[in-house]
């Protein structure tokens, strides 16, 4: 989207929250952006704040199964009646706007309003896309977090990494603390232009040191400017979750201006749950759900699965669906589809779904057997019927696929 058009969109959501009395200004905000990992970091930040005794509102996107998941209080999704009420309140303001708000603007405004209604102590807000012109950027984050920068949505916020970084650093407001986990020296000049009062950089001010595979998770050593925490257990898969934990911990320490007690950190991370992020849902066969939807995420997820499950797996079946705009050949290569004994292609439940036939054709072009299905539930049933007890079924390509897979597996 051109900057002028995007700015007009931000003006509209600014008017919308203004009509509600600017609820986003009634509580402090920790604002999180990044190409990958921002949802995981937002949930980890929430867990740390809750363990510290705060009332926490969390706004994330997209949802896996229910819209309510996007708005949460202390990790619990908004009740149906509250969601209906707050979206209705936003809808009543639409006649006062020059043009209708978008779906995301409505949800973002509703989240800000609900967090004020339930009197949260702090809101953890995940950017939808980019940062500078994202609807969430009507809030001023006391702490701004950037997890990483890679090529994704380049047609909207690109085309270069510098362009994408510039958009993401746009959430950093004057006087804030900028928690920066992207360490590319090529992008440092962009980050140095931020309006932050202070910048904490991964590898310099905070880090994940020891990062070891453990039973159903990882054991990590974390350090921040104020403290070091050794032997912290994370009940999630993937080495990158250790880095995400370090980012989250730094963000919370920046928010409080002081380190957390070791028992708070231990309690919070032990309680972290990340649905749809290398989530193991069955054991015989192993079925792993992961919402990786860009090349960087696909490479990281594949490496993490190899590390955690590789020795115990005899064969691999890839259940995959993608949205339009993805290169299916590139994505399948990043998922190492050549090692899979079968690719089961399905369309995500989205109007932007890439046809399963295109994904299957890409798999066959790479020399892998492939089957086309008409839905995620059909793909899941096909994969599980063909999988042996020692096989691994990897469901991925889109969070829309993962959400539909969770629903299908629960009713199977």
Protein backbone atom coordinates (compact mmCIF):
# COMPACT_ATOMS: atom_id res chain seq x y z
CA UNK A 1 0.00 0.00 0.00
CA UNK A 2 1.33 3.47 -0.91
CA UNK A 3 2.28 5.59 2.13
CA UNK A 4 -0.36 8.21 1.38
CA UNK A 5 -3.14 5.64 1.19
CA UNK A 6 -1.84 3.92 4.30
CA UNK A 7 -1.72 7.22 6.19
CA UNK A 8 -5.35 7.87 5.35
CA UNK A 9 -6.18 4.44 6.75
CA UNK A 10 -4.37 5.30 9.98
CA UNK A 11 -6.23 8.61 10.14
CA UNK A 12 -9.50 6.69 10.02
CA UNK A 13 -8.67 4.37 12.90
CA UNK A 14 -7.34 7.35 14.84
CA UNK A 15 -10.74 9.00 14.41
CA UNK A 16 -12.45 5.81 15.51
CA UNK A 17 -10.55 5.51 18.79
CA UNK A 18 -10.88 9.27 19.32
CA UNK A 19 -14.67 8.89 19.20
CA UNK A 20 -14.34 6.26 21.95
CA UNK A 21 -12.26 8.57 24.13
CA UNK A 22 -8.86 7.17 23.10
CA UNK A 23 -9.01 4.05 25.28
CA UNK A 24 -5.53 2.99 24.13
CA UNK A 25 -4.12 5.89 26.15
CA UNK A 26 -5.62 4.74 29.45
CA UNK A 27 -3.07 1.98 30.09
CA UNK A 28 0.58 1.33 29.16
CA UNK A 29 1.28 -0.70 26.03
CA UNK A 30 4.02 -3.14 25.02
CA UNK A 31 3.95 -3.14 21.21
CA UNK A 32 5.37 -6.13 19.30
CA UNK A 33 6.30 -6.42 15.63
CA UNK A 34 8.51 -8.67 13.49
CA UNK A 35 8.34 -10.97 10.50
CA UNK A 36 8.26 -14.15 12.57
CA UNK A 37 7.84 -14.92 16.25
CA UNK A 38 5.85 -11.89 17.30
CA UNK A 39 2.83 -13.95 18.36
CA UNK A 40 4.99 -16.26 20.47
CA UNK A 41 6.79 -13.29 22.03
CA UNK A 42 3.49 -11.57 22.81
CA UNK A 43 2.23 -14.67 24.61
CA UNK A 44 5.48 -15.05 26.55
CA UNK A 45 5.37 -11.39 27.59
CA UNK A 46 1.80 -11.92 28.76
CA UNK A 47 2.78 -14.98 30.81
CA UNK A 48 5.57 -13.04 32.53
CA UNK A 49 3.33 -10.08 33.33
CA UNK A 50 0.56 -12.32 34.68
CA UNK A 51 3.04 -14.22 36.85
CA UNK A 52 4.16 -10.84 38.17
CA UNK A 53 0.57 -10.19 39.31
CA UNK A 54 -0.67 -7.78 36.64
CA UNK A 55 -4.00 -7.75 34.78
CA UNK A 56 -2.97 -8.09 31.15
CA UNK A 57 -4.83 -7.51 27.91
CA UNK A 58 -3.36 -9.24 24.86
CA UNK A 59 -4.25 -8.50 21.25
CA UNK A 60 -2.94 -10.95 18.64
CA UNK A 61 -3.76 -12.05 15.10
CA UNK A 62 -4.83 -14.07 13.31
CA UNK A 63 -6.92 -16.44 15.40
CA UNK A 64 -6.72 -20.20 14.96
CA UNK A 65 -10.29 -21.32 15.60
CA UNK A 66 -12.35 -18.54 17.20
CA UNK A 67 -12.29 -14.78 16.76
CA UNK A 68 -12.36 -14.44 20.56
CA UNK A 69 -8.74 -15.64 20.71
CA UNK A 70 -7.53 -12.28 19.38
CA UNK A 71 -8.65 -10.39 22.50
CA UNK A 72 -7.60 -11.92 25.80
CA UNK A 73 -7.48 -11.00 29.49
CA UNK A 74 -4.72 -12.79 31.41
CA UNK A 75 -4.54 -15.27 28.56
CA UNK A 76 -8.28 -16.06 28.51
CA UNK A 77 -10.19 -15.19 25.31
CA UNK A 78 -12.90 -12.56 25.52
CA UNK A 79 -16.36 -14.03 26.33
CA UNK A 80 -18.88 -14.09 23.49
CA UNK A 81 -21.19 -11.54 25.12
CA UNK A 82 -18.35 -9.08 25.73
CA UNK A 83 -17.11 -9.49 22.17
CA UNK A 84 -20.57 -8.84 20.77
CA UNK A 85 -21.00 -5.77 22.97
CA UNK A 86 -17.68 -4.15 22.17
CA UNK A 87 -17.90 -4.77 18.41
CA UNK A 88 -21.43 -3.39 18.51
CA UNK A 89 -20.13 -0.28 20.22
CA UNK A 90 -17.58 0.21 17.46
CA UNK A 91 -20.20 -0.40 14.76
CA UNK A 92 -22.39 2.37 16.18
CA UNK A 93 -19.62 4.85 15.38
CA UNK A 94 -19.31 3.90 11.71
CA UNK A 95 -21.79 6.58 10.48
CA UNK A 96 -19.48 9.22 11.96
CA UNK A 97 -16.55 8.13 9.76
CA UNK A 98 -15.89 9.31 6.23
CA UNK A 99 -15.44 5.71 5.04
CA UNK A 100 -16.21 2.29 6.56
CA UNK A 101 -13.51 0.84 8.80
CA UNK A 102 -11.77 -2.37 7.80
CA UNK A 103 -12.19 -5.68 9.60
CA UNK A 104 -8.82 -5.24 11.32
CA UNK A 105 -9.56 -1.63 12.33
CA UNK A 106 -12.82 -2.73 13.93
CA UNK A 107 -11.14 -5.52 15.90
CA UNK A 108 -8.22 -3.30 16.93
CA UNK A 109 -10.51 -0.54 18.16
CA UNK A 110 -12.69 -3.09 19.94
CA UNK A 111 -9.63 -4.53 21.68
CA UNK A 112 -8.48 -1.11 22.89
CA UNK A 113 -11.99 -0.33 24.15
CA UNK A 114 -12.39 -3.70 25.93
CA UNK A 115 -9.01 -3.43 27.62
CA UNK A 116 -10.11 -0.07 29.04
CA UNK A 117 -13.48 -1.51 30.11
CA UNK A 118 -11.88 -4.35 32.08
CA UNK A 119 -9.19 -2.01 33.46
CA UNK A 120 -6.06 -3.85 32.43
CA UNK A 121 -2.77 -2.82 33.99
CA UNK A 122 -0.97 -3.21 30.66
CA UNK A 123 -1.80 -4.25 27.09
CA UNK A 124 0.44 -6.44 24.95
CA UNK A 125 -0.36 -5.56 21.35
CA UNK A 126 0.84 -7.52 18.32
CA UNK A 127 1.13 -5.66 15.02
CA UNK A 128 -1.00 -7.04 12.21
CA UNK A 129 1.26 -6.08 9.30
CA UNK A 130 4.40 -3.99 9.18
CA UNK A 131 4.10 -1.39 11.89
CA UNK A 132 4.20 2.25 10.88
CA UNK A 133 0.81 2.21 9.14
CA UNK A 134 -0.71 -0.69 11.04
CA UNK A 135 -3.98 0.06 12.84
CA UNK A 136 -2.40 -0.88 16.17
CA UNK A 137 0.04 2.02 15.83
CA UNK A 138 -2.50 4.50 17.17
CA UNK A 139 -1.21 3.24 20.52
CA UNK A 140 2.07 4.54 21.91
CA UNK A 141 4.09 1.67 23.26
CA UNK A 142 6.13 2.29 26.40
CA UNK A 143 8.18 -0.66 25.13
CA UNK A 144 8.50 -1.50 21.43
CA UNK A 145 9.72 -4.96 20.40
CA UNK A 146 11.06 -6.06 17.01
CA UNK A 147 11.69 -9.80 16.76
CA UNK A 148 13.31 -10.07 13.30
CA UNK A 149 13.12 -8.89 9.71
CA UNK A 150 12.90 -11.12 6.65
CA UNK A 151 11.25 -10.90 3.24
CA UNK A 152 7.52 -11.31 3.75
CA UNK A 153 4.62 -9.20 2.49
CA UNK A 154 7.24 -7.50 0.33
CA UNK A 155 4.55 -6.42 -2.14
CA UNK A 156 2.94 -4.36 0.64
CA UNK A 157 5.73 -3.14 2.91
CA UNK A 158 8.80 -3.93 0.75
CA UNK A 159 10.31 -4.58 -1.63
CA UNK A 160 13.64 -4.63 0.24
CA UNK A 161 14.63 -5.67 3.75
CA UNK A 162 15.48 -2.04 4.44
CA UNK A 163 11.96 -1.01 3.45
CA UNK A 164 10.45 -3.70 5.68
CA UNK A 165 12.68 -2.73 8.60
CA UNK A 166 11.71 0.92 8.14
CA UNK A 167 8.03 0.03 8.36
CA UNK A 168 8.53 -2.08 11.48
CA UNK A 169 10.66 0.47 13.32
CA UNK A 170 7.75 2.88 12.86
CA UNK A 171 6.15 1.54 16.05
CA UNK A 172 8.99 2.93 18.17
CA UNK A 173 7.72 6.11 19.83
CA UNK A 174 9.63 8.98 21.46
CA UNK A 175 10.73 8.15 24.99
CA UNK A 176 10.17 4.40 24.65
CA UNK A 177 12.56 1.51 25.17
CA UNK A 178 13.26 -0.36 21.93
CA UNK A 179 13.94 -4.09 22.43
CA UNK A 180 15.66 -5.10 19.21
CA UNK A 181 16.24 -8.76 18.38
CA UNK A 182 17.19 -8.32 14.71
CA UNK A 183 20.98 -8.11 14.57
CA UNK A 184 21.75 -7.68 10.86
CA UNK A 185 24.46 -5.02 10.56
CA UNK A 186 22.99 -4.02 7.21
CA UNK A 187 19.79 -2.88 8.95
CA UNK A 188 21.43 -1.16 11.92
CA UNK A 189 21.31 2.30 10.23
CA UNK A 190 17.52 1.95 10.01
CA UNK A 191 17.20 1.03 13.67
CA UNK A 192 19.51 3.86 14.70
CA UNK A 193 16.94 6.34 13.35
CA UNK A 194 14.29 5.27 15.88
CA UNK A 195 12.81 7.69 18.39
CA UNK A 196 13.58 5.41 21.33
CA UNK A 197 15.00 6.80 24.53
CA UNK A 198 16.99 3.59 24.92
CA UNK A 199 17.68 0.56 22.69
CA UNK A 200 18.41 -2.94 23.99
CA UNK A 201 20.04 -5.19 21.40
CA UNK A 202 20.03 -8.98 21.34
CA UNK A 203 23.53 -10.36 21.78
CA UNK A 204 24.70 -7.18 23.49
CA UNK A 205 22.13 -6.32 26.17
CA UNK A 206 20.12 -9.53 26.36
CA UNK A 207 20.56 -13.03 25.03
CA UNK A 208 19.71 -16.70 25.17
CA UNK A 209 22.90 -18.59 25.99
CA UNK A 210 22.65 -22.31 26.60
CA UNK A 211 19.70 -23.64 24.59
CA UNK A 212 19.23 -27.41 24.89
CA UNK A 213 16.64 -29.92 23.79
CA UNK A 214 14.68 -31.30 26.78
CA UNK A 215 11.70 -33.58 27.30
CA UNK A 216 8.77 -31.91 25.49
CA UNK A 217 10.61 -28.60 25.35
CA UNK A 218 13.89 -26.85 26.00
CA UNK A 219 16.15 -25.75 28.84
CA UNK A 220 17.70 -22.33 28.34
CA UNK A 221 19.91 -19.79 30.05
CA UNK A 222 18.67 -16.21 29.67
CA UNK A 223 20.30 -12.90 30.50
CA UNK A 224 19.08 -9.30 30.45
CA UNK A 225 20.69 -6.01 31.44
CA UNK A 226 19.57 -6.62 35.01
CA UNK A 227 19.87 -10.33 35.71
CA UNK A 228 20.75 -13.84 34.57
CA UNK A 229 18.42 -16.84 34.75
CA UNK A 230 19.87 -20.33 34.36
CA UNK A 231 18.14 -23.60 33.59
CA UNK A 232 14.78 -22.14 32.62
CA UNK A 233 12.37 -24.76 31.23
CA UNK A 234 10.27 -23.90 28.17
CA UNK A 235 7.55 -26.44 27.29
CA UNK A 236 7.75 -25.55 23.58
CA UNK A 237 9.72 -26.83 20.61
CA UNK A 238 12.27 -25.03 18.45
CA UNK A 239 15.64 -23.47 19.30
CA UNK A 240 14.30 -20.08 18.19
CA UNK A 241 11.86 -20.14 21.11
CA UNK A 242 14.84 -19.65 23.39
CA UNK A 243 15.60 -16.41 21.56
CA UNK A 244 11.92 -15.47 21.75
CA UNK A 245 12.01 -16.05 25.50
CA UNK A 246 15.02 -13.75 25.85
CA UNK A 247 13.21 -11.04 23.86
CA UNK A 248 10.07 -11.38 25.99
CA UNK A 249 12.05 -11.26 29.23
CA UNK A 250 13.94 -8.17 28.10
CA UNK A 251 10.68 -6.45 27.14
CA UNK A 252 9.16 -7.09 30.56
CA UNK A 253 12.31 -5.98 32.37
CA UNK A 254 12.29 -2.81 30.26
CA UNK A 255 8.64 -2.27 31.20
CA UNK A 256 9.29 -2.55 34.94
CA UNK A 257 12.70 -0.94 34.83
CA UNK A 258 13.98 -3.76 37.00
CA UNK A 259 14.68 -7.51 36.74
CA UNK A 260 12.10 -10.11 37.67
CA UNK A 261 12.41 -12.56 40.53
CA UNK A 262 13.76 -15.91 39.38
CA UNK A 263 10.68 -17.76 40.62
CA UNK A 264 8.42 -15.49 38.57
CA UNK A 265 10.42 -16.24 35.44
CA UNK A 266 10.41 -19.97 36.13
CA UNK A 267 6.65 -20.04 36.82
CA UNK A 268 5.77 -17.93 33.79
CA UNK A 269 7.77 -19.82 31.20
CA UNK A 270 6.70 -23.21 32.55
CA UNK A 271 3.09 -22.15 31.90
CA UNK A 272 3.63 -20.92 28.33
CA UNK A 273 1.45 -22.60 25.72
CA UNK A 274 1.76 -21.72 22.03
CA UNK A 275 -1.09 -23.28 20.04
CA UNK A 276 -0.20 -23.84 16.42
CA UNK A 277 3.53 -23.32 16.96
CA UNK A 278 5.19 -26.74 16.66
CA UNK A 279 2.25 -28.06 18.64
CA UNK A 280 2.22 -31.84 19.11
CA UNK A 281 -1.38 -33.06 18.97
CA UNK A 282 -0.97 -36.84 18.54
CA UNK A 283 1.85 -39.29 19.31
CA UNK A 284 1.23 -42.42 17.22
CA UNK A 285 1.81 -41.15 14.61
CA UNK A 286 3.39 -37.89 15.76
CA UNK A 287 1.31 -35.05 14.37
CA UNK A 288 2.80 -31.57 14.60
CA UNK A 289 0.90 -28.38 13.77
CA UNK A 290 2.90 -25.30 12.88
CA UNK A 291 1.79 -22.06 11.26
CA UNK A 292 5.02 -21.30 9.39
CA UNK A 293 3.90 -19.36 6.33
CA UNK A 294 7.02 -17.78 4.84
CA UNK A 295 10.42 -19.14 3.79
CA UNK A 296 12.26 -18.08 6.95
CA UNK A 297 9.60 -19.65 9.16
CA UNK A 298 9.55 -22.82 7.06
CA UNK A 299 13.29 -23.30 7.33
CA UNK A 300 13.24 -22.76 11.09
CA UNK A 301 10.30 -25.11 11.64
CA UNK A 302 11.87 -27.87 9.54
CA UNK A 303 15.15 -27.66 11.43
CA UNK A 304 13.31 -27.71 14.75
CA UNK A 305 11.30 -30.80 13.79
CA UNK A 306 14.46 -32.58 12.69
CA UNK A 307 16.12 -31.80 16.02
CA UNK A 308 13.17 -32.73 18.22
CA UNK A 309 11.71 -35.72 16.38
CA UNK A 310 14.10 -36.80 13.64
CA UNK A 311 15.67 -39.84 15.36
CA UNK A 312 12.28 -41.32 16.27
CA UNK A 313 10.62 -40.88 12.86
CA UNK A 314 10.73 -43.39 10.02
CA UNK A 315 8.81 -41.36 7.45
CA UNK A 316 7.29 -37.93 7.02
CA UNK A 317 4.02 -36.75 5.49
CA UNK A 318 3.60 -33.04 4.80
CA UNK A 319 0.07 -31.64 4.95
CA UNK A 320 0.25 -28.16 3.51
CA UNK A 321 -1.90 -25.31 2.31
CA UNK A 322 -0.85 -21.79 1.37
CA UNK A 323 -2.31 -18.40 0.63
CA UNK A 324 -1.93 -16.64 -2.70
CA UNK A 325 1.31 -14.75 -3.13
CA UNK A 326 3.45 -17.63 -1.93
CA UNK A 327 5.77 -19.46 -4.29
CA UNK A 328 4.80 -23.11 -3.68
CA UNK A 329 8.08 -24.48 -5.02
CA UNK A 330 10.15 -22.21 -2.77
CA UNK A 331 8.01 -22.99 0.25
CA UNK A 332 8.13 -26.75 -0.34
CA UNK A 333 11.90 -26.58 -0.70
CA UNK A 334 12.14 -24.73 2.61
CA UNK A 335 9.98 -27.43 4.21
CA UNK A 336 12.38 -29.99 2.71
CA UNK A 337 9.51 -31.66 0.88
CA UNK A 338 12.00 -33.76 -1.07
CA UNK A 339 12.50 -35.87 2.06
CA UNK A 340 8.78 -36.35 2.61
CA UNK A 341 7.29 -39.57 1.34
CA UNK A 342 4.06 -37.75 0.56
CA UNK A 343 2.73 -34.21 0.28
CA UNK A 344 -1.01 -33.81 0.93
CA UNK A 345 -2.10 -30.45 -0.48
CA UNK A 346 -5.20 -28.64 0.77
CA UNK A 347 -6.73 -25.18 0.43
CA UNK A 348 -6.68 -22.99 3.56
CA UNK A 349 -10.19 -21.86 4.56
CA UNK A 350 -9.65 -18.38 3.15
CA UNK A 351 -10.76 -16.51 0.03
CA UNK A 352 -7.05 -15.99 -0.64
CA UNK A 353 -6.31 -19.73 -0.71
CA UNK A 354 -3.81 -21.00 -3.24
CA UNK A 355 -5.45 -23.92 -5.09
CA UNK A 356 -4.35 -27.31 -3.78
CA UNK A 357 -3.67 -28.36 -7.36
CA UNK A 358 -0.88 -25.79 -7.63
CA UNK A 359 0.75 -26.95 -4.42
CA UNK A 360 0.51 -30.61 -5.48
CA UNK A 361 1.96 -29.80 -8.90
CA UNK A 362 4.89 -28.01 -7.25
CA UNK A 363 5.55 -31.05 -5.06
CA UNK A 364 5.53 -33.38 -8.06
CA UNK A 365 7.90 -31.03 -9.89
CA UNK A 366 10.29 -31.52 -6.96
CA UNK A 367 10.00 -35.29 -7.34
CA UNK A 368 7.70 -35.94 -4.37
CA UNK A 369 4.44 -37.89 -4.49
CA UNK A 370 1.46 -35.65 -3.86
CA UNK A 371 -2.28 -35.85 -3.33
CA UNK A 372 -4.83 -33.07 -3.69
CA UNK A 373 -7.71 -32.67 -1.24
CA UNK A 374 -10.64 -30.29 -1.12
CA UNK A 375 -10.37 -29.30 2.54
CA UNK A 376 -8.06 -29.34 5.54
CA UNK A 377 -10.19 -31.97 7.28
CA UNK A 378 -9.94 -34.24 4.23
CA UNK A 379 -6.17 -33.70 4.12
CA UNK A 380 -5.81 -34.60 7.81
CA UNK A 381 -7.90 -37.75 7.38
CA UNK A 382 -5.87 -38.75 4.32
CA UNK A 383 -2.53 -38.22 6.03
CA UNK A 384 -3.45 -40.05 9.23
CA UNK A 385 -4.88 -42.98 7.26
CA UNK A 386 -1.62 -43.37 5.35
CA UNK A 387 0.77 -42.72 8.25
CA UNK A 388 2.42 -45.52 10.17
CA UNK A 389 2.80 -45.37 13.94
CA UNK A 390 6.43 -44.25 13.64
CA UNK A 391 5.73 -41.60 10.99
CA UNK A 392 5.46 -37.85 11.49
CA UNK A 393 2.65 -35.78 10.01
CA UNK A 394 3.61 -32.13 9.67
CA UNK A 395 0.64 -29.78 9.13
CA UNK A 396 1.73 -26.34 8.01
CA UNK A 397 1.83 -23.52 5.44
CA UNK A 398 -0.72 -21.18 7.00
CA UNK A 399 -2.27 -20.49 10.38
CA UNK A 400 -5.62 -20.91 8.63
CA UNK A 401 -4.63 -24.49 7.87
CA UNK A 402 -3.47 -25.07 11.43
CA UNK A 403 -6.68 -23.69 12.92
CA UNK A 404 -8.83 -25.89 10.70
CA UNK A 405 -6.62 -28.89 11.50
CA UNK A 406 -7.02 -28.37 15.24
CA UNK A 407 -10.79 -28.33 14.85
CA UNK A 408 -10.75 -31.41 12.62
CA UNK A 409 -8.53 -33.38 15.00
CA UNK A 410 -10.67 -32.50 18.00
CA UNK A 411 -13.79 -33.91 16.35
CA UNK A 412 -12.10 -36.92 14.74
